[in-house]
């Protein structure tokens, strides 16, 4: 393997902001939420990827991986996923003391979309 597949790199690059979001939500959010946040971040992507594949097959939708080698602009658009999660990680700093479970669910869905894209890209090769 001469280079890392860009969709896999996107999934890895989205995982780190998700971890950062969990850390900031745990430190600055409502106390005692670490286990809930980690469980959300683990269960949502594991459930989203296969259920989304089933729904896409039933609906007849075909979506290629997020980053295409033929279109360089797809990498720029796909970089919005980790960027939005990094911005979301700043929310607990500005508004401390709240429960950020919904924010973590949204970020986990973004992460699941990048994981699904990496899986599609690896199957296409």
PDB file of N, CA and C in Angstrom:
ATOM      1  N   UNK A   1       0.844  -1.174   0.000  1.00  0.00           N
ATOM      2  CA  UNK A   1       0.000   0.000   0.000  1.00  0.00           C
ATOM      3  C   UNK A   1       0.888   1.236   0.000  1.00  0.00           C
ATOM      4  N   UNK A   2       0.782   2.017  -1.041  1.00  0.00           N
ATOM      5  CA  UNK A   2       1.667   3.159  -1.189  1.00  0.00           C
ATOM      6  C   UNK A   2       1.143   4.406  -0.505  1.00  0.00           C
ATOM      7  N   UNK A   3      -0.175   4.502  -0.345  1.00  0.00           N
ATOM      8  CA  UNK A   3      -0.736   5.687   0.305  1.00  0.00           C
ATOM      9  C   UNK A   3      -1.989   5.296   1.069  1.00  0.00           C
ATOM     10  N   UNK A   4      -2.340   6.148   2.005  1.00  0.00           N
ATOM     11  CA  UNK A   4      -3.540   5.893   2.796  1.00  0.00           C
ATOM     12  C   UNK A   4      -4.752   6.314   1.970  1.00  0.00           C
ATOM     13  N   UNK A   5      -5.770   5.510   1.970  1.00  0.00           N
ATOM     14  CA  UNK A   5      -6.996   5.823   1.246  1.00  0.00           C
ATOM     15  C   UNK A   5      -7.637   7.061   1.873  1.00  0.00           C
ATOM     16  N   UNK A   6      -8.033   8.053   1.080  1.00  0.00           N
ATOM     17  CA  UNK A   6      -8.530   9.316   1.627  1.00  0.00           C
ATOM     18  C   UNK A   6      -9.800   9.176   2.463  1.00  0.00           C
ATOM     19  N   UNK A   7     -10.679   8.250   2.118  1.00  0.00           N
ATOM     20  CA  UNK A   7     -11.900   8.080   2.907  1.00  0.00           C
ATOM     21  C   UNK A   7     -11.597   7.474   4.274  1.00  0.00           C
ATOM     22  N   UNK A   8     -10.619   6.586   4.340  1.00  0.00           N
ATOM     23  CA  UNK A   8     -10.189   6.049   5.625  1.00  0.00           C
ATOM     24  C   UNK A   8      -9.544   7.151   6.462  1.00  0.00           C
ATOM     25  N   UNK A   9      -8.743   7.979   5.834  1.00  0.00           N
ATOM     26  CA  UNK A   9      -8.123   9.100   6.533  1.00  0.00           C
ATOM     27  C   UNK A   9      -9.183  10.071   7.055  1.00  0.00           C
ATOM     28  N   UNK A  10     -10.236  10.273   6.282  1.00  0.00           N
ATOM     29  CA  UNK A  10     -11.336  11.133   6.732  1.00  0.00           C
ATOM     30  C   UNK A  10     -12.025  10.542   7.956  1.00  0.00           C
ATOM     31  N   UNK A  11     -12.243   9.240   7.965  1.00  0.00           N
ATOM     32  CA  UNK A  11     -12.879   8.592   9.118  1.00  0.00           C
ATOM     33  C   UNK A  11     -12.003   8.718  10.361  1.00  0.00           C
ATOM     34  N   UNK A  12     -10.710   8.537  10.200  1.00  0.00           N
ATOM     35  CA  UNK A  12      -9.792   8.685  11.330  1.00  0.00           C
ATOM     36  C   UNK A  12      -9.753  10.131  11.794  1.00  0.00           C
ATOM     37  N   UNK A  13      -9.733  11.048  10.835  1.00  0.00           N
ATOM     38  CA  UNK A  13      -9.701  12.472  11.179  1.00  0.00           C
ATOM     39  C   UNK A  13     -11.004  12.937  11.819  1.00  0.00           C
ATOM     40  N   UNK A  14     -12.085  12.235  11.622  1.00  0.00           N
ATOM     41  CA  UNK A  14     -13.354  12.577  12.261  1.00  0.00           C
ATOM     42  C   UNK A  14     -13.459  11.935  13.639  1.00  0.00           C
ATOM     43  N   UNK A  15     -12.756  10.836  13.865  1.00  0.00           N
ATOM     44  CA  UNK A  15     -12.802  10.172  15.165  1.00  0.00           C
ATOM     45  C   UNK A  15     -12.149  11.027  16.250  1.00  0.00           C
ATOM     46  N   UNK A  16     -11.072  11.704  15.915  1.00  0.00           N
ATOM     47  CA  UNK A  16     -10.385  12.513  16.920  1.00  0.00           C
ATOM     48  C   UNK A  16     -11.229  13.699  17.405  1.00  0.00           C
ATOM     49  N   UNK A  17     -11.893  14.448  16.548  1.00  0.00           N
ATOM     50  CA  UNK A  17     -12.786  15.491  17.070  1.00  0.00           C
ATOM     51  C   UNK A  17     -13.952  14.930  17.883  1.00  0.00           C
ATOM     52  N   UNK A  18     -14.426  13.730  17.537  1.00  0.00           N
ATOM     53  CA  UNK A  18     -15.484  13.112  18.333  1.00  0.00           C
ATOM     54  C   UNK A  18     -14.980  12.813  19.748  1.00  0.00           C
ATOM     55  N   UNK A  19     -13.751  12.342  19.867  1.00  0.00           N
ATOM     56  CA  UNK A  19     -13.148  12.108  21.180  1.00  0.00           C
ATOM     57  C   UNK A  19     -12.985  13.433  21.921  1.00  0.00           C
ATOM     58  N   UNK A  20     -12.573  14.472  21.203  1.00  0.00           N
ATOM     59  CA  UNK A  20     -12.451  15.799  21.811  1.00  0.00           C
ATOM     60  C   UNK A  20     -13.803  16.306  22.302  1.00  0.00           C
ATOM     61  N   UNK A  21     -14.857  16.082  21.532  1.00  0.00           N
ATOM     62  CA  UNK A  21     -16.198  16.495  21.938  1.00  0.00           C
ATOM     63  C   UNK A  21     -16.635  15.752  23.198  1.00  0.00           C
ATOM     64  N   UNK A  22     -16.357  14.462  23.264  1.00  0.00           N
ATOM     65  CA  UNK A  22     -16.699  13.694  24.466  1.00  0.00           C
ATOM     66  C   UNK A  22     -15.937  14.242  25.669  1.00  0.00           C
ATOM     67  N   UNK A  23     -14.668  14.564  25.472  1.00  0.00           N
ATOM     68  CA  UNK A  23     -13.855  15.090  26.577  1.00  0.00           C
ATOM     69  C   UNK A  23     -14.378  16.442  27.063  1.00  0.00           C
ATOM     70  N   UNK A  24     -14.664  17.348  26.148  1.00  0.00           N
ATOM     71  CA  UNK A  24     -15.136  18.665  26.579  1.00  0.00           C
ATOM     72  C   UNK A  24     -16.538  18.588  27.171  1.00  0.00           C
ATOM     73  N   UNK A  25     -17.388  17.728  26.620  1.00  0.00           N
ATOM     74  CA  UNK A  25     -18.739  17.584  27.169  1.00  0.00           C
ATOM     75  C   UNK A  25     -18.689  16.960  28.563  1.00  0.00           C
ATOM     76  N   UNK A  26     -17.746  16.059  28.779  1.00  0.00           N
ATOM     77  CA  UNK A  26     -17.611  15.444  30.103  1.00  0.00           C
ATOM     78  C   UNK A  26     -17.037  16.431  31.118  1.00  0.00           C
ATOM     79  N   UNK A  27     -16.037  17.182  30.707  1.00  0.00           N
ATOM     80  CA  UNK A  27     -15.387  18.103  31.636  1.00  0.00           C
ATOM     81  C   UNK A  27     -16.236  19.331  31.946  1.00  0.00           C
ATOM     82  N   UNK A  28     -16.918  19.877  30.956  1.00  0.00           N
ATOM     83  CA  UNK A  28     -17.632  21.128  31.142  1.00  0.00           C
ATOM     84  C   UNK A  28     -19.151  20.979  31.158  1.00  0.00           C
ATOM     85  N   UNK A  29     -19.652  19.793  30.846  1.00  0.00           N
ATOM     86  CA  UNK A  29     -21.090  19.564  30.824  1.00  0.00           C
ATOM     87  C   UNK A  29     -21.606  19.145  32.191  1.00  0.00           C
ATOM     88  N   UNK A  30     -22.779  18.557  32.197  1.00  0.00           N
ATOM     89  CA  UNK A  30     -23.379  18.057  33.436  1.00  0.00           C
ATOM     90  C   UNK A  30     -22.493  16.964  34.020  1.00  0.00           C
ATOM     91  N   UNK A  31     -22.364  16.911  35.329  1.00  0.00           N
ATOM     92  CA  UNK A  31     -21.480  15.908  35.934  1.00  0.00           C
ATOM     93  C   UNK A  31     -22.005  14.481  35.789  1.00  0.00           C
ATOM     94  N   UNK A  32     -21.059  13.532  35.700  1.00  0.00           N
ATOM     95  CA  UNK A  32     -21.393  12.118  35.679  1.00  0.00           C
ATOM     96  C   UNK A  32     -21.935  11.584  34.370  1.00  0.00           C
ATOM     97  N   UNK A  33     -21.578  12.163  33.247  1.00  0.00           N
ATOM     98  CA  UNK A  33     -22.125  11.759  31.959  1.00  0.00           C
ATOM     99  C   UNK A  33     -21.139  10.995  31.076  1.00  0.00           C
ATOM    100  N   UNK A  34     -19.954  10.710  31.559  1.00  0.00           N
ATOM    101  CA  UNK A  34     -18.922  10.091  30.723  1.00  0.00           C
ATOM    102  C   UNK A  34     -19.375   8.761  30.126  1.00  0.00           C
ATOM    103  N   UNK A  35     -19.929   7.889  30.944  1.00  0.00           N
ATOM    104  CA  UNK A  35     -20.333   6.563  30.453  1.00  0.00           C
ATOM    105  C   UNK A  35     -21.415   6.709  29.384  1.00  0.00           C
ATOM    106  N   UNK A  36     -22.367   7.590  29.619  1.00  0.00           N
ATOM    107  CA  UNK A  36     -23.443   7.800  28.641  1.00  0.00           C
ATOM    108  C   UNK A  36     -22.881   8.320  27.320  1.00  0.00           C
ATOM    109  N   UNK A  37     -21.978   9.279  27.392  1.00  0.00           N
ATOM    110  CA  UNK A  37     -21.404   9.844  26.172  1.00  0.00           C
ATOM    111  C   UNK A  37     -20.583   8.824  25.394  1.00  0.00           C
ATOM    112  N   UNK A  38     -19.805   8.021  26.092  1.00  0.00           N
ATOM    113  CA  UNK A  38     -18.995   7.000  25.419  1.00  0.00           C
ATOM    114  C   UNK A  38     -19.900   5.944  24.789  1.00  0.00           C
ATOM    115  N   UNK A  39     -20.944   5.540  25.511  1.00  0.00           N
ATOM    116  CA  UNK A  39     -21.875   4.550  24.956  1.00  0.00           C
ATOM    117  C   UNK A  39     -22.583   5.100  23.711  1.00  0.00           C
ATOM    118  N   UNK A  40     -22.978   6.357  23.736  1.00  0.00           N
ATOM    119  CA  UNK A  40     -23.609   6.976  22.563  1.00  0.00           C
ATOM    120  C   UNK A  40     -22.633   6.956  21.395  1.00  0.00           C
ATOM    121  N   UNK A  41     -21.389   7.358  21.658  1.00  0.00           N
ATOM    122  CA  UNK A  41     -20.388   7.438  20.593  1.00  0.00           C
ATOM    123  C   UNK A  41     -20.035   6.059  20.030  1.00  0.00           C
ATOM    124  N   UNK A  42     -20.252   5.010  20.777  1.00  0.00           N
ATOM    125  CA  UNK A  42     -19.972   3.663  20.283  1.00  0.00           C
ATOM    126  C   UNK A  42     -21.188   3.035  19.602  1.00  0.00           C
ATOM    127  N   UNK A  43     -22.359   3.199  20.189  1.00  0.00           N
ATOM    128  CA  UNK A  43     -23.555   2.517  19.686  1.00  0.00           C
ATOM    129  C   UNK A  43     -24.079   3.158  18.400  1.00  0.00           C
ATOM    130  N   UNK A  44     -24.088   4.478  18.337  1.00  0.00           N
ATOM    131  CA  UNK A  44     -24.677   5.149  17.166  1.00  0.00           C
ATOM    132  C   UNK A  44     -23.969   4.760  15.865  1.00  0.00           C
ATOM    133  N   UNK A  45     -22.643   4.844  15.757  1.00  0.00           N
ATOM    134  CA  UNK A  45     -22.020   4.433  14.481  1.00  0.00           C
ATOM    135  C   UNK A  45     -22.192   2.948  14.174  1.00  0.00           C
ATOM    136  N   UNK A  46     -22.132   2.114  15.212  1.00  0.00           N
ATOM    137  CA  UNK A  46     -22.275   0.668  14.991  1.00  0.00           C
ATOM    138  C   UNK A  46     -23.680   0.350  14.473  1.00  0.00           C
ATOM    139  N   UNK A  47     -24.679   1.081  14.939  1.00  0.00           N
ATOM    140  CA  UNK A  47     -26.051   0.846  14.478  1.00  0.00           C
ATOM    141  C   UNK A  47     -26.341   1.566  13.168  1.00  0.00           C
ATOM    142  N   UNK A  48     -25.751   2.743  12.989  1.00  0.00           N
ATOM    143  CA  UNK A  48     -26.066   3.569  11.820  1.00  0.00           C
ATOM    144  C   UNK A  48     -25.580   2.935  10.518  1.00  0.00           C
ATOM    145  N   UNK A  49     -24.369   2.436  10.503  1.00  0.00           N
ATOM    146  CA  UNK A  49     -23.779   1.947   9.248  1.00  0.00           C
ATOM    147  C   UNK A  49     -24.593   0.801   8.639  1.00  0.00           C
ATOM    148  N   UNK A  50     -24.905  -0.273   9.373  1.00  0.00           N
ATOM    149  CA  UNK A  50     -25.693  -1.332   8.717  1.00  0.00           C
ATOM    150  C   UNK A  50     -27.140  -0.938   8.448  1.00  0.00           C
ATOM    151  N   UNK A  51     -27.748  -0.167   9.360  1.00  0.00           N
ATOM    152  CA  UNK A  51     -29.145   0.218   9.126  1.00  0.00           C
ATOM    153  C   UNK A  51     -29.263   1.181   7.954  1.00  0.00           C
ATOM    154  N   UNK A  52     -28.285   2.050   7.782  1.00  0.00           N
ATOM    155  CA  UNK A  52     -28.306   2.955   6.641  1.00  0.00           C
ATOM    156  C   UNK A  52     -28.107   2.185   5.340  1.00  0.00           C
ATOM    157  N   UNK A  53     -27.266   1.168   5.363  1.00  0.00           N
ATOM    158  CA  UNK A  53     -27.062   0.346   4.165  1.00  0.00           C
ATOM    159  C   UNK A  53     -28.350  -0.376   3.782  1.00  0.00           C
ATOM    160  N   UNK A  54     -29.058  -0.895   4.781  1.00  0.00           N
ATOM    161  CA  UNK A  54     -30.325  -1.584   4.510  1.00  0.00           C
ATOM    162  C   UNK A  54     -31.344  -0.609   3.928  1.00  0.00           C
ATOM    163  N   UNK A  55     -31.451   0.568   4.510  1.00  0.00           N
ATOM    164  CA  UNK A  55     -32.414   1.562   4.015  1.00  0.00           C
ATOM    165  C   UNK A  55     -32.068   2.015   2.600  1.00  0.00           C
ATOM    166  N   UNK A  56     -30.790   2.186   2.318  1.00  0.00           N
ATOM    167  CA  UNK A  56     -30.385   2.610   0.969  1.00  0.00           C
ATOM    168  C   UNK A  56     -30.723   1.532  -0.067  1.00  0.00           C
ATOM    169  N   UNK A  57     -30.531   0.270   0.296  1.00  0.00           N
ATOM    170  CA  UNK A  57     -30.879  -0.806  -0.632  1.00  0.00           C
ATOM    171  C   UNK A  57     -32.378  -0.850  -0.880  1.00  0.00           C
ATOM    172  N   UNK A  58     -33.165  -0.692   0.181  1.00  0.00           N
ATOM    173  CA  UNK A  58     -34.620  -0.726   0.028  1.00  0.00           C
ATOM    174  C   UNK A  58     -35.132   0.454  -0.786  1.00  0.00           C
ATOM    175  N   UNK A  59     -34.508   1.607  -0.618  1.00  0.00           N
ATOM    176  CA  UNK A  59     -34.941   2.804  -1.337  1.00  0.00           C
ATOM    177  C   UNK A  59     -34.345   2.867  -2.743  1.00  0.00           C
ATOM    178  N   UNK A  60     -33.340   2.058  -3.021  1.00  0.00           N
ATOM    179  CA  UNK A  60     -32.715   2.055  -4.333  1.00  0.00           C
ATOM    180  C   UNK A  60     -31.714   3.181  -4.526  1.00  0.00           C
ATOM    181  N   UNK A  61     -31.230   3.753  -3.439  1.00  0.00           N
ATOM    182  CA  UNK A  61     -30.266   4.844  -3.523  1.00  0.00           C
ATOM    183  C   UNK A  61     -28.852   4.284  -3.569  1.00  0.00           C
ATOM    184  N   UNK A  62     -28.054   4.839  -4.438  1.00  0.00           N
ATOM    185  CA  UNK A  62     -26.652   4.460  -4.528  1.00  0.00           C
ATOM    186  C   UNK A  62     -25.837   5.720  -4.315  1.00  0.00           C
ATOM    187  N   UNK A  63     -25.012   5.708  -3.273  1.00  0.00           N
ATOM    188  CA  UNK A  63     -24.162   6.861  -2.995  1.00  0.00           C
ATOM    189  C   UNK A  63     -22.716   6.407  -3.009  1.00  0.00           C
ATOM    190  N   UNK A  64     -21.885   7.050  -3.812  1.00  0.00           N
ATOM    191  CA  UNK A  64     -20.468   6.675  -3.843  1.00  0.00           C
ATOM    192  C   UNK A  64     -19.757   7.182  -2.581  1.00  0.00           C
ATOM    193  N   UNK A  65     -18.507   6.793  -2.371  1.00  0.00           N
ATOM    194  CA  UNK A  65     -17.746   7.321  -1.240  1.00  0.00           C
ATOM    195  C   UNK A  65     -17.652   8.850  -1.279  1.00  0.00           C
ATOM    196  N   UNK A  66     -17.428   9.450  -0.143  1.00  0.00           N
ATOM    197  CA  UNK A  66     -17.415  10.914  -0.044  1.00  0.00           C
ATOM    198  C   UNK A  66     -16.297  11.559  -0.854  1.00  0.00           C
ATOM    199  N   UNK A  67     -15.130  10.955  -0.840  1.00  0.00           N
ATOM    200  CA  UNK A  67     -13.981  11.541  -1.533  1.00  0.00           C
ATOM    201  C   UNK A  67     -13.699  10.729  -2.786  1.00  0.00           C
ATOM    202  N   UNK A  68     -13.730  11.402  -3.942  1.00  0.00           N
ATOM    203  CA  UNK A  68     -13.456  10.766  -5.232  1.00  0.00           C
ATOM    204  C   UNK A  68     -12.089  11.227  -5.723  1.00  0.00           C
ATOM    205  N   UNK A  69     -11.286  10.329  -6.258  1.00  0.00           N
ATOM    206  CA  UNK A  69     -10.000  10.757  -6.812  1.00  0.00           C
ATOM    207  C   UNK A  69     -10.154  11.668  -8.034  1.00  0.00           C
ATOM    208  N   UNK A  70     -11.264  11.517  -8.760  1.00  0.00           N
ATOM    209  CA  UNK A  70     -11.450  12.321  -9.963  1.00  0.00           C
ATOM    210  C   UNK A  70     -11.886  13.750  -9.656  1.00  0.00           C
ATOM    211  N   UNK A  71     -12.481  13.993  -8.503  1.00  0.00           N
ATOM    212  CA  UNK A  71     -12.965  15.323  -8.143  1.00  0.00           C
ATOM    213  C   UNK A  71     -12.269  15.774  -6.863  1.00  0.00           C
ATOM    214  N   UNK A  72     -11.333  16.664  -6.996  1.00  0.00           N
ATOM    215  CA  UNK A  72     -10.547  17.113  -5.848  1.00  0.00           C
ATOM    216  C   UNK A  72     -11.385  17.918  -4.855  1.00  0.00           C
ATOM    217  N   UNK A  73     -12.440  18.538  -5.325  1.00  0.00           N
ATOM    218  CA  UNK A  73     -13.252  19.357  -4.418  1.00  0.00           C
ATOM    219  C   UNK A  73     -14.005  18.520  -3.394  1.00  0.00           C
ATOM    220  N   UNK A  74     -14.184  17.236  -3.639  1.00  0.00           N
ATOM    221  CA  UNK A  74     -14.887  16.395  -2.672  1.00  0.00           C
ATOM    222  C   UNK A  74     -14.107  16.293  -1.364  1.00  0.00           C
ATOM    223  N   UNK A  75     -12.798  16.347  -1.428  1.00  0.00           N
ATOM    224  CA  UNK A  75     -11.995  16.299  -0.202  1.00  0.00           C
ATOM    225  C   UNK A  75     -12.220  17.546   0.640  1.00  0.00           C
ATOM    226  N   UNK A  76     -12.364  18.674  -0.010  1.00  0.00           N
ATOM    227  CA  UNK A  76     -12.614  19.919   0.723  1.00  0.00           C
ATOM    228  C   UNK A  76     -13.981  19.875   1.384  1.00  0.00           C
ATOM    229  N   UNK A  77     -14.990  19.428   0.651  1.00  0.00           N
ATOM    230  CA  UNK A  77     -16.330  19.346   1.225  1.00  0.00           C
ATOM    231  C   UNK A  77     -16.391  18.315   2.344  1.00  0.00           C
ATOM    232  N   UNK A  78     -15.700  17.203   2.190  1.00  0.00           N
ATOM    233  CA  UNK A  78     -15.707  16.163   3.217  1.00  0.00           C
ATOM    234  C   UNK A  78     -14.987  16.625   4.483  1.00  0.00           C
ATOM    235  N   UNK A  79     -14.064  17.557   4.352  1.00  0.00           N
ATOM    236  CA  UNK A  79     -13.352  18.049   5.540  1.00  0.00           C
ATOM    237  C   UNK A  79     -14.256  18.861   6.453  1.00  0.00           C
ATOM    238  N   UNK A  80     -15.453  19.179   6.006  1.00  0.00           N
ATOM    239  CA  UNK A  80     -16.400  19.881   6.869  1.00  0.00           C
ATOM    240  C   UNK A  80     -16.875  19.008   8.026  1.00  0.00           C
ATOM    241  N   UNK A  81     -16.886  17.697   7.859  1.00  0.00           N
ATOM    242  CA  UNK A  81     -17.331  16.804   8.926  1.00  0.00           C
ATOM    243  C   UNK A  81     -16.472  16.946  10.182  1.00  0.00           C
ATOM    244  N   UNK A  82     -15.140  16.776  10.086  1.00  0.00           N
ATOM    245  CA  UNK A  82     -14.347  16.977  11.305  1.00  0.00           C
ATOM    246  C   UNK A  82     -14.361  18.427  11.782  1.00  0.00           C
ATOM    247  N   UNK A  83     -14.442  19.361  10.859  1.00  0.00           N
ATOM    248  CA  UNK A  83     -14.451  20.774  11.258  1.00  0.00           C
ATOM    249  C   UNK A  83     -15.699  21.118  12.065  1.00  0.00           C
ATOM    250  N   UNK A  84     -16.846  20.611  11.658  1.00  0.00           N
ATOM    251  CA  UNK A  84     -18.074  20.875  12.402  1.00  0.00           C
ATOM    252  C   UNK A  84     -18.051  20.219  13.778  1.00  0.00           C
ATOM    253  N   UNK A  85     -17.450  19.048  13.877  1.00  0.00           N
ATOM    254  CA  UNK A  85     -17.366  18.388  15.182  1.00  0.00           C
ATOM    255  C   UNK A  85     -16.394  19.144  16.095  1.00  0.00           C
ATOM    256  N   UNK A  86     -15.320  19.687  15.528  1.00  0.00           N
ATOM    257  CA  UNK A  86     -14.406  20.512  16.329  1.00  0.00           C
ATOM    258  C   UNK A  86     -15.123  21.752  16.837  1.00  0.00           C
ATOM    259  N   UNK A  87     -15.927  22.369  15.990  1.00  0.00           N
ATOM    260  CA  UNK A  87     -16.714  23.522  16.443  1.00  0.00           C
ATOM    261  C   UNK A  87     -17.704  23.116  17.534  1.00  0.00           C
ATOM    262  N   UNK A  88     -18.306  21.950  17.378  1.00  0.00           N
ATOM    263  CA  UNK A  88     -19.240  21.467  18.399  1.00  0.00           C
ATOM    264  C   UNK A  88     -18.521  21.198  19.715  1.00  0.00           C
ATOM    265  N   UNK A  89     -17.255  20.829  19.661  1.00  0.00           N
ATOM    266  CA  UNK A  89     -16.493  20.581  20.886  1.00  0.00           C
ATOM    267  C   UNK A  89     -16.280  21.862  21.684  1.00  0.00           C
ATOM    268  N   UNK A  90     -16.416  22.993  21.046  1.00  0.00           N
ATOM    269  CA  UNK A  90     -16.287  24.267  21.745  1.00  0.00           C
ATOM    270  C   UNK A  90     -17.561  24.708  22.449  1.00  0.00           C
ATOM    271  N   UNK A  91     -18.693  24.111  22.119  1.00  0.00           N
ATOM    272  CA  UNK A  91     -19.975  24.495  22.721  1.00  0.00           C
ATOM    273  C   UNK A  91     -19.982  24.298  24.236  1.00  0.00           C
ATOM    274  N   UNK A  92     -19.494  23.161  24.765  1.00  0.00           N
ATOM    275  CA  UNK A  92     -19.489  23.020  26.229  1.00  0.00           C
ATOM    276  C   UNK A  92     -18.607  24.054  26.934  1.00  0.00           C
ATOM    277  N   UNK A  93     -17.602  24.571  26.251  1.00  0.00           N
ATOM    278  CA  UNK A  93     -16.762  25.598  26.850  1.00  0.00           C
ATOM    279  C   UNK A  93     -17.518  26.918  26.993  1.00  0.00           C
ATOM    280  N   UNK A  94     -18.376  27.210  26.024  1.00  0.00           N
ATOM    281  CA  UNK A  94     -19.121  28.466  26.028  1.00  0.00           C
ATOM    282  C   UNK A  94     -20.355  28.373  26.915  1.00  0.00           C
ATOM    283  N   UNK A  95     -21.035  27.225  26.881  1.00  0.00           N
ATOM    284  CA  UNK A  95     -22.257  27.013  27.669  1.00  0.00           C
ATOM    285  C   UNK A  95     -22.061  25.821  28.609  1.00  0.00           C
ATOM    286  N   UNK A  96     -21.325  25.970  29.695  1.00  0.00           N
ATOM    287  CA  UNK A  96     -21.039  24.835  30.576  1.00  0.00           C
ATOM    288  C   UNK A  96     -22.246  24.424  31.421  1.00  0.00           C
ATOM    289  N   UNK A  97     -22.199  23.179  31.873  1.00  0.00           N
ATOM    290  CA  UNK A  97     -23.186  22.685  32.816  1.00  0.00           C
ATOM    291  C   UNK A  97     -24.407  22.021  32.239  1.00  0.00           C
ATOM    292  N   UNK A  98     -24.478  21.823  30.950  1.00  0.00           N
ATOM    293  CA  UNK A  98     -25.649  21.198  30.324  1.00  0.00           C
ATOM    294  C   UNK A  98     -25.341  19.762  29.917  1.00  0.00           C
ATOM    295  N   UNK A  99     -26.389  19.026  29.561  1.00  0.00           N
ATOM    296  CA  UNK A  99     -26.244  17.671  29.031  1.00  0.00           C
ATOM    297  C   UNK A  99     -26.079  17.783  27.517  1.00  0.00           C
ATOM    298  N   UNK A 100     -25.001  17.248  26.979  1.00  0.00           N
ATOM    299  CA  UNK A 100     -24.694  17.363  25.557  1.00  0.00           C
ATOM    300  C   UNK A 100     -24.849  16.039  24.813  1.00  0.00           C
ATOM    301  N   UNK A 101     -25.789  15.226  25.238  1.00  0.00           N
ATOM    302  CA  UNK A 101     -26.021  13.937  24.587  1.00  0.00           C
ATOM    303  C   UNK A 101     -26.444  14.073  23.139  1.00  0.00           C
ATOM    304  N   UNK A 102     -27.345  15.024  22.853  1.00  0.00           N
ATOM    305  CA  UNK A 102     -27.795  15.218  21.467  1.00  0.00           C
ATOM    306  C   UNK A 102     -26.656  15.671  20.567  1.00  0.00           C
ATOM    307  N   UNK A 103     -25.800  16.525  21.078  1.00  0.00           N
ATOM    308  CA  UNK A 103     -24.647  16.980  20.297  1.00  0.00           C
ATOM    309  C   UNK A 103     -23.717  15.816  19.972  1.00  0.00           C
ATOM    310  N   UNK A 104     -23.565  14.907  20.898  1.00  0.00           N
ATOM    311  CA  UNK A 104     -22.711  13.740  20.658  1.00  0.00           C
ATOM    312  C   UNK A 104     -23.387  12.779  19.684  1.00  0.00           C
ATOM    313  N   UNK A 105     -24.702  12.667  19.737  1.00  0.00           N
ATOM    314  CA  UNK A 105     -25.405  11.828  18.760  1.00  0.00           C
ATOM    315  C   UNK A 105     -25.197  12.370  17.352  1.00  0.00           C
ATOM    316  N   UNK A 106     -25.323  13.680  17.187  1.00  0.00           N
ATOM    317  CA  UNK A 106     -25.126  14.299  15.863  1.00  0.00           C
ATOM    318  C   UNK A 106     -23.703  14.066  15.377  1.00  0.00           C
ATOM    319  N   UNK A 107     -22.723  14.269  16.248  1.00  0.00           N
ATOM    320  CA  UNK A 107     -21.325  14.049  15.869  1.00  0.00           C
ATOM    321  C   UNK A 107     -21.065  12.577  15.555  1.00  0.00           C
ATOM    322  N   UNK A 108     -21.713  11.671  16.289  1.00  0.00           N
ATOM    323  CA  UNK A 108     -21.536  10.242  16.026  1.00  0.00           C
ATOM    324  C   UNK A 108     -22.137   9.853  14.681  1.00  0.00           C
ATOM    325  N   UNK A 109     -23.232  10.493  14.288  1.00  0.00           N
ATOM    326  CA  UNK A 109     -23.812  10.238  12.962  1.00  0.00           C
ATOM    327  C   UNK A 109     -22.872  10.746  11.871  1.00  0.00           C
ATOM    328  N   UNK A 110     -22.269  11.919  12.083  1.00  0.00           N
ATOM    329  CA  UNK A 110     -21.263  12.414  11.128  1.00  0.00           C
ATOM    330  C   UNK A 110     -20.115  11.420  11.012  1.00  0.00           C
ATOM    331  N   UNK A 111     -19.635  10.922  12.151  1.00  0.00           N
ATOM    332  CA  UNK A 111     -18.551   9.946  12.141  1.00  0.00           C
ATOM    333  C   UNK A 111     -18.974   8.661  11.435  1.00  0.00           C
ATOM    334  N   UNK A 112     -20.198   8.219  11.679  1.00  0.00           N
ATOM    335  CA  UNK A 112     -20.698   7.011  11.030  1.00  0.00           C
ATOM    336  C   UNK A 112     -20.767   7.184   9.516  1.00  0.00           C
ATOM    337  N   UNK A 113     -21.127   8.368   9.059  1.00  0.00           N
ATOM    338  CA  UNK A 113     -21.140   8.634   7.616  1.00  0.00           C
ATOM    339  C   UNK A 113     -19.753   8.521   7.004  1.00  0.00           C
ATOM    340  N   UNK A 114     -18.739   8.988   7.722  1.00  0.00           N
ATOM    341  CA  UNK A 114     -17.378   8.871   7.195  1.00  0.00           C
ATOM    342  C   UNK A 114     -16.892   7.420   7.241  1.00  0.00           C
ATOM    343  N   UNK A 115     -17.303   6.684   8.259  1.00  0.00           N
ATOM    344  CA  UNK A 115     -16.938   5.258   8.331  1.00  0.00           C
ATOM    345  C   UNK A 115     -17.602   4.498   7.185  1.00  0.00           C
ATOM    346  N   UNK A 116     -18.865   4.808   6.924  1.00  0.00           N
ATOM    347  CA  UNK A 116     -19.569   4.166   5.814  1.00  0.00           C
ATOM    348  C   UNK A 116     -18.877   4.481   4.486  1.00  0.00           C
ATOM    349  N   UNK A 117     -18.425   5.700   4.330  1.00  0.00           N
ATOM    350  CA  UNK A 117     -17.715   6.085   3.120  1.00  0.00           C
ATOM    351  C   UNK A 117     -16.400   5.320   2.978  1.00  0.00           C
ATOM    352  N   UNK A 118     -15.696   5.146   4.092  1.00  0.00           N
ATOM    353  CA  UNK A 118     -14.436   4.388   4.054  1.00  0.00           C
ATOM    354  C   UNK A 118     -14.698   2.920   3.700  1.00  0.00           C
ATOM    355  N   UNK A 119     -15.779   2.366   4.217  1.00  0.00           N
ATOM    356  CA  UNK A 119     -16.127   0.966   3.902  1.00  0.00           C
ATOM    357  C   UNK A 119     -16.461   0.830   2.413  1.00  0.00           C
ATOM    358  N   UNK A 120     -17.241   1.776   1.887  1.00  0.00           N
ATOM    359  CA  UNK A 120     -17.583   1.731   0.450  1.00  0.00           C
ATOM    360  C   UNK A 120     -16.344   1.865  -0.417  1.00  0.00           C
ATOM    361  N   UNK A 121     -15.439   2.743  -0.022  1.00  0.00           N
ATOM    362  CA  UNK A 121     -14.225   2.944  -0.816  1.00  0.00           C
ATOM    363  C   UNK A 121     -13.328   1.701  -0.783  1.00  0.00           C
ATOM    364  N   UNK A 122     -13.265   1.031   0.360  1.00  0.00           N
ATOM    365  CA  UNK A 122     -12.422  -0.156   0.436  1.00  0.00           C
ATOM    366  C   UNK A 122     -13.021  -1.310  -0.362  1.00  0.00           C
ATOM    367  N   UNK A 123     -14.349  -1.391  -0.409  1.00  0.00           N
ATOM    368  CA  UNK A 123     -14.995  -2.443  -1.200  1.00  0.00           C
ATOM    369  C   UNK A 123     -14.883  -2.157  -2.702  1.00  0.00           C
ATOM    370  N   UNK A 124     -14.790  -0.898  -3.075  1.00  0.00           N
ATOM    371  CA  UNK A 124     -14.720  -0.541  -4.491  1.00  0.00           C
ATOM    372  C   UNK A 124     -13.343  -0.842  -5.082  1.00  0.00           C
ATOM    373  N   UNK A 125     -12.328  -0.951  -4.250  1.00  0.00           N
ATOM    374  CA  UNK A 125     -10.972  -1.177  -4.769  1.00  0.00           C
ATOM    375  C   UNK A 125     -10.697  -2.619  -5.048  1.00  0.00           C
TER     376      UNK A 125
END
